[in-house]
PDB file of N, CA and C in Angstrom:
ATOM      1  N   MET A   1      71.438  -6.258 -20.359  1.00  0.00           N
ATOM      2  CA  MET A   1      70.908  -4.984 -20.773  1.00  0.00           C
ATOM      3  C   MET A   1      69.721  -5.830 -21.862  1.00  0.00           C
ATOM      4  N   VAL A   2      70.036  -6.768 -22.701  1.00  0.00           N
ATOM      5  CA  VAL A   2      68.736  -6.684 -23.833  1.00  0.00           C
ATOM      6  C   VAL A   2      67.881  -7.563 -22.521  1.00  0.00           C
ATOM      7  N   PHE A   3      68.559  -8.537 -21.702  1.00  0.00           N
ATOM      8  CA  PHE A   3      67.576  -9.077 -21.171  1.00  0.00           C
ATOM      9  C   PHE A   3      66.465  -8.223 -20.012  1.00  0.00           C
ATOM     10  N   SER A   4      67.231  -7.108 -19.954  1.00  0.00           N
ATOM     11  CA  SER A   4      66.389  -6.021 -19.019  1.00  0.00           C
ATOM     12  C   SER A   4      65.229  -5.424 -19.888  1.00  0.00           C
ATOM     13  N   LEU A   5      65.358  -5.094 -20.989  1.00  0.00           N
ATOM     14  CA  LEU A   5      64.726  -4.631 -21.930  1.00  0.00           C
ATOM     15  C   LEU A   5      63.640  -5.731 -22.125  1.00  0.00           C
ATOM     16  N   ILE A   6      64.077  -6.991 -22.565  1.00  0.00           N
ATOM     17  CA  ILE A   6      62.841  -7.772 -22.812  1.00  0.00           C
ATOM     18  C   ILE A   6      61.845  -8.072 -21.615  1.00  0.00           C
ATOM     19  N   LEU A   7      62.345  -8.234 -20.304  1.00  0.00           N
ATOM     20  CA  LEU A   7      61.717  -8.455 -19.400  1.00  0.00           C
ATOM     21  C   LEU A   7      61.253  -6.953 -19.068  1.00  0.00           C
ATOM     22  N   ALA A   8      61.499  -5.791 -19.101  1.00  0.00           N
ATOM     23  CA  ALA A   8      60.542  -4.752 -18.953  1.00  0.00           C
ATOM     24  C   ALA A   8      59.328  -4.584 -19.794  1.00  0.00           C
ATOM     25  N   SER A   9      59.775  -5.169 -21.306  1.00  0.00           N
ATOM     26  CA  SER A   9      58.422  -5.125 -22.162  1.00  0.00           C
ATOM     27  C   SER A   9      57.390  -6.139 -21.870  1.00  0.00           C
ATOM     28  N   ALA A  10      57.787  -7.115 -21.212  1.00  0.00           N
ATOM     29  CA  ALA A  10      57.277  -8.208 -20.630  1.00  0.00           C
ATOM     30  C   ALA A  10      56.285  -7.994 -19.552  1.00  0.00           C
ATOM     31  N   VAL A  11      57.056  -6.976 -18.697  1.00  0.00           N
ATOM     32  CA  VAL A  11      56.164  -6.662 -17.513  1.00  0.00           C
ATOM     33  C   VAL A  11      55.155  -5.879 -17.760  1.00  0.00           C
ATOM     34  N   ALA A  12      55.401  -4.839 -18.829  1.00  0.00           N
ATOM     35  CA  ALA A  12      54.283  -3.530 -19.448  1.00  0.00           C
ATOM     36  C   ALA A  12      53.192  -4.346 -20.011  1.00  0.00           C
ATOM     37  N   THR A  13      53.395  -5.392 -20.705  1.00  0.00           N
ATOM     38  CA  THR A  13      52.193  -6.158 -21.145  1.00  0.00           C
ATOM     39  C   THR A  13      51.736  -7.013 -20.463  1.00  0.00           C
ATOM     40  N   GLY A  14      52.208  -7.064 -19.084  1.00  0.00           N
ATOM     41  CA  GLY A  14      51.531  -8.062 -17.757  1.00  0.00           C
ATOM     42  C   GLY A  14      51.756  -9.621 -18.682  1.00  0.00           C
ATOM     43  N   ALA A  15      53.025  -9.761 -19.108  1.00  0.00           N
ATOM     44  CA  ALA A  15      53.112 -11.281 -19.529  1.00  0.00           C
ATOM     45  C   ALA A  15      53.952 -12.084 -19.024  1.00  0.00           C
ATOM     46  N   VAL A  16      54.760 -11.614 -17.813  1.00  0.00           N
ATOM     47  CA  VAL A  16      55.553 -12.342 -16.943  1.00  0.00           C
ATOM     48  C   VAL A  16      54.946 -13.435 -16.152  1.00  0.00           C
ATOM     49  N   ALA A  17      55.707 -14.403 -16.371  1.00  0.00           N
ATOM     50  CA  ALA A  17      55.595 -15.708 -15.661  1.00  0.00           C
ATOM     51  C   ALA A  17      56.996 -16.136 -15.145  1.00  0.00           C
ATOM     52  N   ALA A  18      57.228 -17.217 -14.062  1.00  0.00           N
ATOM     53  CA  ALA A  18      58.417 -17.434 -13.748  1.00  0.00           C
ATOM     54  C   ALA A  18      59.298 -18.149 -14.944  1.00  0.00           C
ATOM     55  N   PRO A  19      60.274 -17.961 -15.166  1.00  0.00           N
ATOM     56  CA  PRO A  19      61.186 -18.196 -16.273  1.00  0.00           C
ATOM     57  C   PRO A  19      61.474 -19.873 -16.062  1.00  0.00           C
ATOM     58  N   SER A  20      61.564 -20.750 -17.022  1.00  0.00           N
ATOM     59  CA  SER A  20      62.822 -21.649 -17.139  1.00  0.00           C
ATOM     60  C   SER A  20      63.716 -21.575 -17.128  1.00  0.00           C
ATOM     61  N   VAL A  21      64.805 -21.987 -16.150  1.00  0.00           N
ATOM     62  CA  VAL A  21      66.370 -21.808 -16.114  1.00  0.00           C
ATOM     63  C   VAL A  21      67.173 -22.690 -16.824  1.00  0.00           C
ATOM     64  N   THR A  22      67.781 -22.808 -17.638  1.00  0.00           N
ATOM     65  CA  THR A  22      68.805 -23.764 -18.098  1.00  0.00           C
ATOM     66  C   THR A  22      70.064 -23.470 -18.078  1.00  0.00           C
ATOM     67  N   CYS A  23      71.124 -24.312 -17.560  1.00  0.00           N
ATOM     68  CA  CYS A  23      72.573 -23.714 -17.599  1.00  0.00           C
ATOM     69  C   CYS A  23      73.053 -24.910 -18.640  1.00  0.00           C
ATOM     70  N   VAL A  24      73.986 -24.273 -19.625  1.00  0.00           N
ATOM     71  CA  VAL A  24      74.238 -24.811 -20.594  1.00  0.00           C
ATOM     72  C   VAL A  24      76.047 -24.595 -20.634  1.00  0.00           C
ATOM     73  N   LYS A  25      76.633 -25.548 -20.780  1.00  0.00           N
ATOM     74  CA  LYS A  25      78.030 -25.786 -20.764  1.00  0.00           C
ATOM     75  C   LYS A  25      78.549 -25.224 -22.109  1.00  0.00           C
ATOM     76  N   THR A  26      79.385 -24.692 -22.412  1.00  0.00           N
ATOM     77  CA  THR A  26      79.712 -24.622 -23.712  1.00  0.00           C
ATOM     78  C   THR A  26      81.130 -23.826 -23.712  1.00  0.00           C
ATOM     79  N   THR A  27      81.804 -23.734 -24.845  1.00  0.00           N
ATOM     80  CA  THR A  27      83.390 -23.161 -25.039  1.00  0.00           C
ATOM     81  C   THR A  27      83.182 -22.087 -25.905  1.00  0.00           C
ATOM     82  N   ILE A  28      83.757 -20.767 -25.398  1.00  0.00           N
ATOM     83  CA  ILE A  28      83.945 -19.977 -26.574  1.00  0.00           C
ATOM     84  C   ILE A  28      84.876 -19.907 -27.108  1.00  0.00           C
ATOM     85  N   LYS A  29      85.371 -20.210 -28.480  1.00  0.00           N
ATOM     86  CA  LYS A  29      86.334 -20.276 -29.312  1.00  0.00           C
ATOM     87  C   LYS A  29      87.120 -18.931 -29.433  1.00  0.00           C
ATOM     88  N   ALA A  30      88.366 -18.836 -29.810  1.00  0.00           N
ATOM     89  CA  ALA A  30      89.325 -17.498 -29.774  1.00  0.00           C
ATOM     90  C   ALA A  30      88.233 -16.933 -31.133  1.00  0.00           C
ATOM     91  N   ASN A  31      87.667 -17.230 -31.906  1.00  0.00           N
ATOM     92  CA  ASN A  31      87.042 -16.665 -32.761  1.00  0.00           C
ATOM     93  C   ASN A  31      85.458 -15.958 -32.415  1.00  0.00           C
ATOM     94  N   GLY A  32      85.165 -16.332 -31.106  1.00  0.00           N
ATOM     95  CA  GLY A  32      84.061 -15.528 -30.595  1.00  0.00           C
ATOM     96  C   GLY A  32      82.849 -16.980 -30.620  1.00  0.00           C
ATOM     97  N   HIS A  33      82.880 -17.871 -31.307  1.00  0.00           N
ATOM     98  CA  HIS A  33      82.034 -18.565 -31.500  1.00  0.00           C
ATOM     99  C   HIS A  33      81.857 -19.792 -30.579  1.00  0.00           C
ATOM    100  N   THR A  34      80.793 -20.175 -30.180  1.00  0.00           N
ATOM    101  CA  THR A  34      80.486 -20.953 -29.013  1.00  0.00           C
ATOM    102  C   THR A  34      80.533 -22.790 -29.752  1.00  0.00           C
ATOM    103  N   SER A  35      81.207 -23.671 -29.033  1.00  0.00           N
ATOM    104  CA  SER A  35      81.204 -25.019 -29.362  1.00  0.00           C
ATOM    105  C   SER A  35      81.157 -25.838 -28.199  1.00  0.00           C
ATOM    106  N   GLU A  36      80.983 -27.408 -28.494  1.00  0.00           N
ATOM    107  CA  GLU A  36      80.657 -28.170 -27.606  1.00  0.00           C
ATOM    108  C   GLU A  36      79.759 -27.718 -26.405  1.00  0.00           C
ATOM    109  N   ASN A  37      78.520 -27.294 -26.614  1.00  0.00           N
ATOM    110  CA  ASN A  37      77.390 -27.086 -26.276  1.00  0.00           C
ATOM    111  C   ASN A  37      76.617 -28.364 -25.529  1.00  0.00           C
ATOM    112  N   SER A  38      76.365 -28.330 -24.088  1.00  0.00           N
ATOM    113  CA  SER A  38      75.360 -29.319 -23.864  1.00  0.00           C
ATOM    114  C   SER A  38      74.688 -28.805 -22.396  1.00  0.00           C
ATOM    115  N   VAL A  39      73.865 -29.329 -22.029  1.00  0.00           N
ATOM    116  CA  VAL A  39      72.791 -28.902 -21.327  1.00  0.00           C
ATOM    117  C   VAL A  39      73.448 -29.458 -19.635  1.00  0.00           C
ATOM    118  N   ALA A  40      74.033 -28.895 -18.603  1.00  0.00           N
ATOM    119  CA  ALA A  40      74.795 -28.879 -17.642  1.00  0.00           C
ATOM    120  C   ALA A  40      73.633 -29.164 -16.497  1.00  0.00           C
ATOM    121  N   SER A  41      72.737 -28.437 -16.379  1.00  0.00           N
ATOM    122  CA  SER A  41      71.597 -28.548 -15.616  1.00  0.00           C
ATOM    123  C   SER A  41      70.271 -28.173 -16.370  1.00  0.00           C
ATOM    124  N   PRO A  42      69.327 -29.318 -16.424  1.00  0.00           N
ATOM    125  CA  PRO A  42      68.320 -28.818 -17.159  1.00  0.00           C
ATOM    126  C   PRO A  42      67.256 -28.253 -16.252  1.00  0.00           C
ATOM    127  N   SER A  43      66.268 -27.419 -17.022  1.00  0.00           N
ATOM    128  CA  SER A  43      65.211 -26.664 -16.191  1.00  0.00           C
ATOM    129  C   SER A  43      63.839 -27.517 -15.865  1.00  0.00           C
ATOM    130  N   GLY A  44      63.854 -28.500 -16.353  1.00  0.00           N
ATOM    131  CA  GLY A  44      62.628 -29.323 -16.385  1.00  0.00           C
ATOM    132  C   GLY A  44      61.501 -29.389 -17.512  1.00  0.00           C
ATOM    133  N   SER A  45      62.061 -28.274 -18.243  1.00  0.00           N
ATOM    134  CA  SER A  45      61.181 -28.105 -19.616  1.00  0.00           C
ATOM    135  C   SER A  45      62.009 -28.643 -20.742  1.00  0.00           C
ATOM    136  N   ARG A  46      61.786 -29.859 -21.389  1.00  0.00           N
ATOM    137  CA  ARG A  46      62.725 -30.222 -22.559  1.00  0.00           C
ATOM    138  C   ARG A  46      62.611 -29.245 -23.308  1.00  0.00           C
ATOM    139  N   ASP A  47      61.450 -28.333 -23.720  1.00  0.00           N
ATOM    140  CA  ASP A  47      61.026 -27.253 -24.648  1.00  0.00           C
ATOM    141  C   ASP A  47      62.285 -26.015 -24.421  1.00  0.00           C
ATOM    142  N   ALA A  48      62.230 -25.591 -23.310  1.00  0.00           N
ATOM    143  CA  ALA A  48      62.918 -24.660 -22.838  1.00  0.00           C
ATOM    144  C   ALA A  48      64.579 -24.905 -22.861  1.00  0.00           C
ATOM    145  N   ASP A  49      64.828 -26.359 -22.766  1.00  0.00           N
ATOM    146  CA  ASP A  49      66.249 -26.566 -22.731  1.00  0.00           C
ATOM    147  C   ASP A  49      66.633 -26.668 -24.109  1.00  0.00           C
ATOM    148  N   ARG A  50      65.743 -27.181 -25.325  1.00  0.00           N
ATOM    149  CA  ARG A  50      66.419 -27.335 -26.763  1.00  0.00           C
ATOM    150  C   ARG A  50      66.449 -25.849 -26.949  1.00  0.00           C
ATOM    151  N   TYR A  51      65.819 -24.837 -26.461  1.00  0.00           N
ATOM    152  CA  TYR A  51      65.667 -23.190 -27.172  1.00  0.00           C
ATOM    153  C   TYR A  51      66.835 -23.016 -26.346  1.00  0.00           C
ATOM    154  N   ALA A  52      67.127 -22.943 -25.244  1.00  0.00           N
ATOM    155  CA  ALA A  52      68.357 -22.671 -24.593  1.00  0.00           C
ATOM    156  C   ALA A  52      69.827 -23.062 -25.236  1.00  0.00           C
ATOM    157  N   LEU A  53      69.550 -24.345 -25.573  1.00  0.00           N
ATOM    158  CA  LEU A  53      70.999 -24.959 -26.544  1.00  0.00           C
ATOM    159  C   LEU A  53      70.781 -24.123 -28.009  1.00  0.00           C
ATOM    160  N   GLN A  54      70.132 -23.996 -28.528  1.00  0.00           N
ATOM    161  CA  GLN A  54      69.884 -23.270 -29.825  1.00  0.00           C
ATOM    162  C   GLN A  54      70.319 -21.678 -29.678  1.00  0.00           C
ATOM    163  N   LEU A  55      69.766 -20.888 -28.808  1.00  0.00           N
ATOM    164  CA  LEU A  55      70.543 -19.769 -28.414  1.00  0.00           C
ATOM    165  C   LEU A  55      72.148 -19.747 -28.186  1.00  0.00           C
ATOM    166  N   VAL A  56      72.423 -20.582 -27.379  1.00  0.00           N
ATOM    167  CA  VAL A  56      73.882 -20.340 -27.405  1.00  0.00           C
ATOM    168  C   VAL A  56      74.736 -20.933 -28.164  1.00  0.00           C
ATOM    169  N   ARG A  57      74.259 -21.859 -29.146  1.00  0.00           N
ATOM    170  CA  ARG A  57      75.185 -22.058 -30.323  1.00  0.00           C
ATOM    171  C   ARG A  57      74.834 -21.131 -31.395  1.00  0.00           C
ATOM    172  N   MET A  58      73.948 -20.349 -31.388  1.00  0.00           N
ATOM    173  CA  MET A  58      73.842 -18.970 -32.169  1.00  0.00           C
ATOM    174  C   MET A  58      74.585 -18.053 -31.842  1.00  0.00           C
ATOM    175  N   PHE A  59      75.177 -17.730 -30.495  1.00  0.00           N
ATOM    176  CA  PHE A  59      75.706 -16.864 -29.867  1.00  0.00           C
ATOM    177  C   PHE A  59      76.869 -16.356 -30.563  1.00  0.00           C
ATOM    178  N   ASN A  60      77.375 -15.557 -30.585  1.00  0.00           N
ATOM    179  CA  ASN A  60      78.766 -15.253 -31.218  1.00  0.00           C
ATOM    180  C   ASN A  60      79.254 -13.768 -30.330  1.00  0.00           C
ATOM    181  N   VAL A  61      80.479 -14.044 -29.627  1.00  0.00           N
ATOM    182  CA  VAL A  61      81.001 -12.769 -29.385  1.00  0.00           C
ATOM    183  C   VAL A  61      81.815 -12.078 -30.072  1.00  0.00           C
ATOM    184  N   GLU A  62      81.819 -10.895 -30.317  1.00  0.00           N
ATOM    185  CA  GLU A  62      82.249  -9.818 -31.107  1.00  0.00           C
ATOM    186  C   GLU A  62      83.739  -9.766 -30.677  1.00  0.00           C
ATOM    187  N   ARG A  63      84.833 -10.161 -31.574  1.00  0.00           N
ATOM    188  CA  ARG A  63      86.167  -9.629 -31.506  1.00  0.00           C
ATOM    189  C   ARG A  63      87.170  -8.707 -32.567  1.00  0.00           C
ATOM    190  N   SER A  64      87.553  -7.841 -32.036  1.00  0.00           N
ATOM    191  CA  SER A  64      88.367  -7.239 -32.984  1.00  0.00           C
ATOM    192  C   SER A  64      89.330  -7.896 -33.700  1.00  0.00           C
ATOM    193  N   ARG A  65      89.665  -7.602 -34.778  1.00  0.00           N
ATOM    194  CA  ARG A  65      90.646  -8.166 -35.565  1.00  0.00           C
ATOM    195  C   ARG A  65      92.226  -8.539 -34.980  1.00  0.00           C
ATOM    196  N   ASP A  66      92.621  -7.802 -34.188  1.00  0.00           N
ATOM    197  CA  ASP A  66      93.709  -7.802 -33.636  1.00  0.00           C
ATOM    198  C   ASP A  66      93.618  -8.351 -32.166  1.00  0.00           C
ATOM    199  N   GLU A  67      92.660  -8.562 -31.589  1.00  0.00           N
ATOM    200  CA  GLU A  67      92.245  -9.167 -30.214  1.00  0.00           C
ATOM    201  C   GLU A  67      92.641 -10.470 -29.994  1.00  0.00           C
ATOM    202  N   LYS A  68      93.718 -10.680 -29.142  1.00  0.00           N
ATOM    203  CA  LYS A  68      94.076 -12.232 -28.715  1.00  0.00           C
ATOM    204  C   LYS A  68      93.374 -12.883 -27.740  1.00  0.00           C
ATOM    205  N   VAL A  69      92.902 -13.770 -27.745  1.00  0.00           N
ATOM    206  CA  VAL A  69      91.708 -14.288 -26.931  1.00  0.00           C
ATOM    207  C   VAL A  69      91.810 -15.818 -26.954  1.00  0.00           C
ATOM    208  N   GLU A  70      92.199 -16.321 -25.672  1.00  0.00           N
ATOM    209  CA  GLU A  70      92.226 -17.857 -25.414  1.00  0.00           C
ATOM    210  C   GLU A  70      90.537 -18.122 -25.427  1.00  0.00           C
ATOM    211  N   PRO A  71      90.635 -19.620 -25.710  1.00  0.00           N
ATOM    212  CA  PRO A  71      89.310 -20.341 -25.550  1.00  0.00           C
ATOM    213  C   PRO A  71      89.087 -20.221 -24.359  1.00  0.00           C
ATOM    214  N   ALA A  72      87.685 -20.033 -23.893  1.00  0.00           N
ATOM    215  CA  ALA A  72      87.094 -19.938 -22.606  1.00  0.00           C
ATOM    216  C   ALA A  72      86.078 -21.242 -22.523  1.00  0.00           C
ATOM    217  N   THR A  73      85.973 -22.091 -21.329  1.00  0.00           N
ATOM    218  CA  THR A  73      84.821 -22.896 -21.208  1.00  0.00           C
ATOM    219  C   THR A  73      84.348 -22.557 -19.782  1.00  0.00           C
ATOM    220  N   GLY A  74      83.032 -22.540 -19.825  1.00  0.00           N
ATOM    221  CA  GLY A  74      82.333 -22.378 -18.537  1.00  0.00           C
ATOM    222  C   GLY A  74      80.651 -22.607 -18.980  1.00  0.00           C
ATOM    223  N   TYR A  75      79.879 -22.090 -18.377  1.00  0.00           N
ATOM    224  CA  TYR A  75      78.592 -22.013 -18.312  1.00  0.00           C
ATOM    225  C   TYR A  75      77.810 -20.893 -18.571  1.00  0.00           C
ATOM    226  N   VAL A  76      76.580 -20.824 -18.926  1.00  0.00           N
ATOM    227  CA  VAL A  76      75.668 -19.753 -19.538  1.00  0.00           C
ATOM    228  C   VAL A  76      74.372 -20.262 -18.834  1.00  0.00           C
ATOM    229  N   LEU A  77      73.778 -19.106 -17.975  1.00  0.00           N
ATOM    230  CA  LEU A  77      72.136 -19.282 -17.669  1.00  0.00           C
ATOM    231  C   LEU A  77      71.230 -18.937 -18.692  1.00  0.00           C
ATOM    232  N   VAL A  78      70.323 -19.634 -19.154  1.00  0.00           N
ATOM    233  CA  VAL A  78      69.183 -18.930 -19.975  1.00  0.00           C
ATOM    234  C   VAL A  78      68.043 -19.150 -19.530  1.00  0.00           C
ATOM    235  N   GLU A  79      67.194 -17.926 -19.323  1.00  0.00           N
ATOM    236  CA  GLU A  79      65.864 -17.889 -18.804  1.00  0.00           C
ATOM    237  C   GLU A  79      65.115 -17.504 -19.969  1.00  0.00           C
ATOM    238  N   THR A  80      64.189 -18.827 -19.887  1.00  0.00           N
ATOM    239  CA  THR A  80      63.497 -18.990 -21.058  1.00  0.00           C
ATOM    240  C   THR A  80      61.782 -18.617 -20.672  1.00  0.00           C
ATOM    241  N   TYR A  81      60.966 -17.772 -20.698  1.00  0.00           N
ATOM    242  CA  TYR A  81      59.925 -17.251 -20.485  1.00  0.00           C
ATOM    243  C   TYR A  81      58.766 -17.748 -21.427  1.00  0.00           C
ATOM    244  N   PRO A  82      57.617 -18.212 -21.172  1.00  0.00           N
ATOM    245  CA  PRO A  82      56.448 -18.775 -21.657  1.00  0.00           C
ATOM    246  C   PRO A  82      56.169 -18.064 -22.904  1.00  0.00           C
ATOM    247  N   ASN A  83      56.227 -16.975 -22.929  1.00  0.00           N
ATOM    248  CA  ASN A  83      55.636 -15.978 -24.035  1.00  0.00           C
ATOM    249  C   ASN A  83      56.795 -15.974 -25.060  1.00  0.00           C
ATOM    250  N   GLY A  84      58.376 -16.497 -24.761  1.00  0.00           N
ATOM    251  CA  GLY A  84      59.184 -16.484 -25.891  1.00  0.00           C
ATOM    252  C   GLY A  84      60.322 -15.801 -25.813  1.00  0.00           C
ATOM    253  N   SER A  85      60.155 -14.835 -24.582  1.00  0.00           N
ATOM    254  CA  SER A  85      61.455 -13.952 -24.416  1.00  0.00           C
ATOM    255  C   SER A  85      62.400 -14.580 -23.686  1.00  0.00           C
ATOM    256  N   PHE A  86      63.509 -14.060 -23.506  1.00  0.00           N
ATOM    257  CA  PHE A  86      64.359 -15.053 -22.777  1.00  0.00           C
ATOM    258  C   PHE A  86      65.690 -13.999 -22.234  1.00  0.00           C
ATOM    259  N   GLY A  87      66.540 -14.262 -21.123  1.00  0.00           N
ATOM    260  CA  GLY A  87      67.849 -13.691 -21.033  1.00  0.00           C
ATOM    261  C   GLY A  87      68.861 -14.765 -20.818  1.00  0.00           C
ATOM    262  N   MET A  88      70.098 -14.114 -20.769  1.00  0.00           N
ATOM    263  CA  MET A  88      70.917 -14.877 -21.251  1.00  0.00           C
ATOM    264  C   MET A  88      72.496 -14.322 -20.336  1.00  0.00           C
ATOM    265  N   SER A  89      72.887 -14.979 -19.683  1.00  0.00           N
ATOM    266  CA  SER A  89      74.049 -14.442 -18.570  1.00  0.00           C
ATOM    267  C   SER A  89      74.987 -14.237 -19.495  1.00  0.00           C
ATOM    268  N   ILE A  90      75.435 -14.730 -20.382  1.00  0.00           N
ATOM    269  CA  ILE A  90      76.552 -14.386 -21.334  1.00  0.00           C
ATOM    270  C   ILE A  90      76.456 -13.073 -22.384  1.00  0.00           C
ATOM    271  N   ILE A  91      74.890 -12.680 -22.253  1.00  0.00           N
ATOM    272  CA  ILE A  91      75.006 -11.124 -22.828  1.00  0.00           C
ATOM    273  C   ILE A  91      75.078 -10.268 -21.477  1.00  0.00           C
ATOM    274  N   ASP A  92      74.548 -10.406 -20.166  1.00  0.00           N
ATOM    275  CA  ASP A  92      74.723  -9.511 -19.440  1.00  0.00           C
ATOM    276  C   ASP A  92      76.186  -9.331 -18.677  1.00  0.00           C
ATOM    277  N   LEU A  93      76.841 -10.367 -18.857  1.00  0.00           N
ATOM    278  CA  LEU A  93      78.265 -10.430 -18.602  1.00  0.00           C
ATOM    279  C   LEU A  93      79.183  -9.910 -19.618  1.00  0.00           C
ATOM    280  N   LYS A  94      78.561  -9.507 -20.990  1.00  0.00           N
ATOM    281  CA  LYS A  94      79.678  -9.035 -21.985  1.00  0.00           C
ATOM    282  C   LYS A  94      80.385 -10.115 -22.563  1.00  0.00           C
ATOM    283  N   GLY A  95      79.944 -11.758 -22.813  1.00  0.00           N
ATOM    284  CA  GLY A  95      80.548 -12.497 -23.385  1.00  0.00           C
ATOM    285  C   GLY A  95      81.380 -13.342 -22.609  1.00  0.00           C
ATOM    286  N   GLN A  96      81.116 -13.082 -21.363  1.00  0.00           N
ATOM    287  CA  GLN A  96      81.850 -14.023 -20.361  1.00  0.00           C
ATOM    288  C   GLN A  96      81.029 -15.053 -19.892  1.00  0.00           C
ATOM    289  N   VAL A  97      81.778 -16.125 -19.814  1.00  0.00           N
ATOM    290  CA  VAL A  97      80.940 -17.433 -18.970  1.00  0.00           C
ATOM    291  C   VAL A  97      80.994 -17.781 -17.559  1.00  0.00           C
ATOM    292  N   LEU A  98      80.245 -18.408 -17.003  1.00  0.00           N
ATOM    293  CA  LEU A  98      80.234 -18.236 -15.492  1.00  0.00           C
ATOM    294  C   LEU A  98      81.336 -19.537 -15.448  1.00  0.00           C
ATOM    295  N   PRO A  99      81.771 -19.568 -13.903  1.00  0.00           N
ATOM    296  CA  PRO A  99      82.397 -20.634 -13.307  1.00  0.00           C
ATOM    297  C   PRO A  99      81.706 -21.846 -13.164  1.00  0.00           C
ATOM    298  N   THR A 100      80.424 -21.846 -12.612  1.00  0.00           N
ATOM    299  CA  THR A 100      79.514 -22.722 -12.295  1.00  0.00           C
ATOM    300  C   THR A 100      78.483 -22.255 -12.778  1.00  0.00           C
ATOM    301  N   CYS A 101      77.227 -23.240 -12.413  1.00  0.00           N
ATOM    302  CA  CYS A 101      75.822 -23.011 -12.778  1.00  0.00           C
ATOM    303  C   CYS A 101      75.128 -22.072 -12.013  1.00  0.00           C
ATOM    304  N   ASP A 102      75.490 -21.664 -10.991  1.00  0.00           N
ATOM    305  CA  ASP A 102      75.421 -20.782  -9.887  1.00  0.00           C
ATOM    306  C   ASP A 102      74.970 -19.270 -10.549  1.00  0.00           C
ATOM    307  N   ARG A 103      73.931 -18.691 -10.130  1.00  0.00           N
ATOM    308  CA  ARG A 103      73.761 -17.445 -10.494  1.00  0.00           C
ATOM    309  C   ARG A 103      74.640 -16.503  -9.588  1.00  0.00           C
ATOM    310  N   PRO A 104      75.179 -15.538 -10.481  1.00  0.00           N
ATOM    311  CA  PRO A 104      76.294 -14.541 -10.153  1.00  0.00           C
ATOM    312  C   PRO A 104      75.645 -13.530  -9.313  1.00  0.00           C
ATOM    313  N   ALA A 105      76.633 -12.720  -8.471  1.00  0.00           N
ATOM    314  CA  ALA A 105      75.995 -12.054  -7.142  1.00  0.00           C
ATOM    315  C   ALA A 105      75.263 -11.025  -8.297  1.00  0.00           C
ATOM    316  N   VAL A 106      74.153 -10.373  -7.234  1.00  0.00           N
ATOM    317  CA  VAL A 106      73.170  -9.278  -7.585  1.00  0.00           C
ATOM    318  C   VAL A 106      74.157  -8.531  -8.006  1.00  0.00           C
ATOM    319  N   GLY A 107      73.790  -7.507  -9.265  1.00  0.00           N
ATOM    320  CA  GLY A 107      74.130  -6.579  -9.800  1.00  0.00           C
ATOM    321  C   GLY A 107      75.316  -6.721 -10.728  1.00  0.00           C
ATOM    322  N   SER A 108      75.626  -8.129 -10.951  1.00  0.00           N
ATOM    323  CA  SER A 108      76.893  -8.674 -11.924  1.00  0.00           C
ATOM    324  C   SER A 108      76.281  -9.721 -12.998  1.00  0.00           C
ATOM    325  N   GLY A 109      75.015  -9.647 -13.153  1.00  0.00           N
ATOM    326  CA  GLY A 109      74.669 -10.518 -14.296  1.00  0.00           C
ATOM    327  C   GLY A 109      73.070 -10.799 -14.272  1.00  0.00           C
ATOM    328  N   THR A 110      72.555 -11.773 -14.694  1.00  0.00           N
ATOM    329  CA  THR A 110      71.200 -12.364 -14.648  1.00  0.00           C
ATOM    330  C   THR A 110      71.049 -12.605 -13.323  1.00  0.00           C
TER     331      THR A 110
END
């Protein structure tokens, strides 16, 4: 949803160029914070890859106090646009990580 809003605003201003896509391996701990972040598949842009790592490190999945959640390790796709906007599969998938660096099926994420 957030990605769609950012993309829509970028389209409206005519600032859309092909994004750099970085796949980041991460673990979402029981408390919702990410850890053990590393670039699993680089985008070809060192700046985009560094930015993707920063975004994933800052991400926090909200948990309710009574919610019991096991840590989950997987992948997050981060799309970085030249104008600074971004999209993350973890946002589109409501805090879930992907099992691989492959894009999810149409209609289920980034």
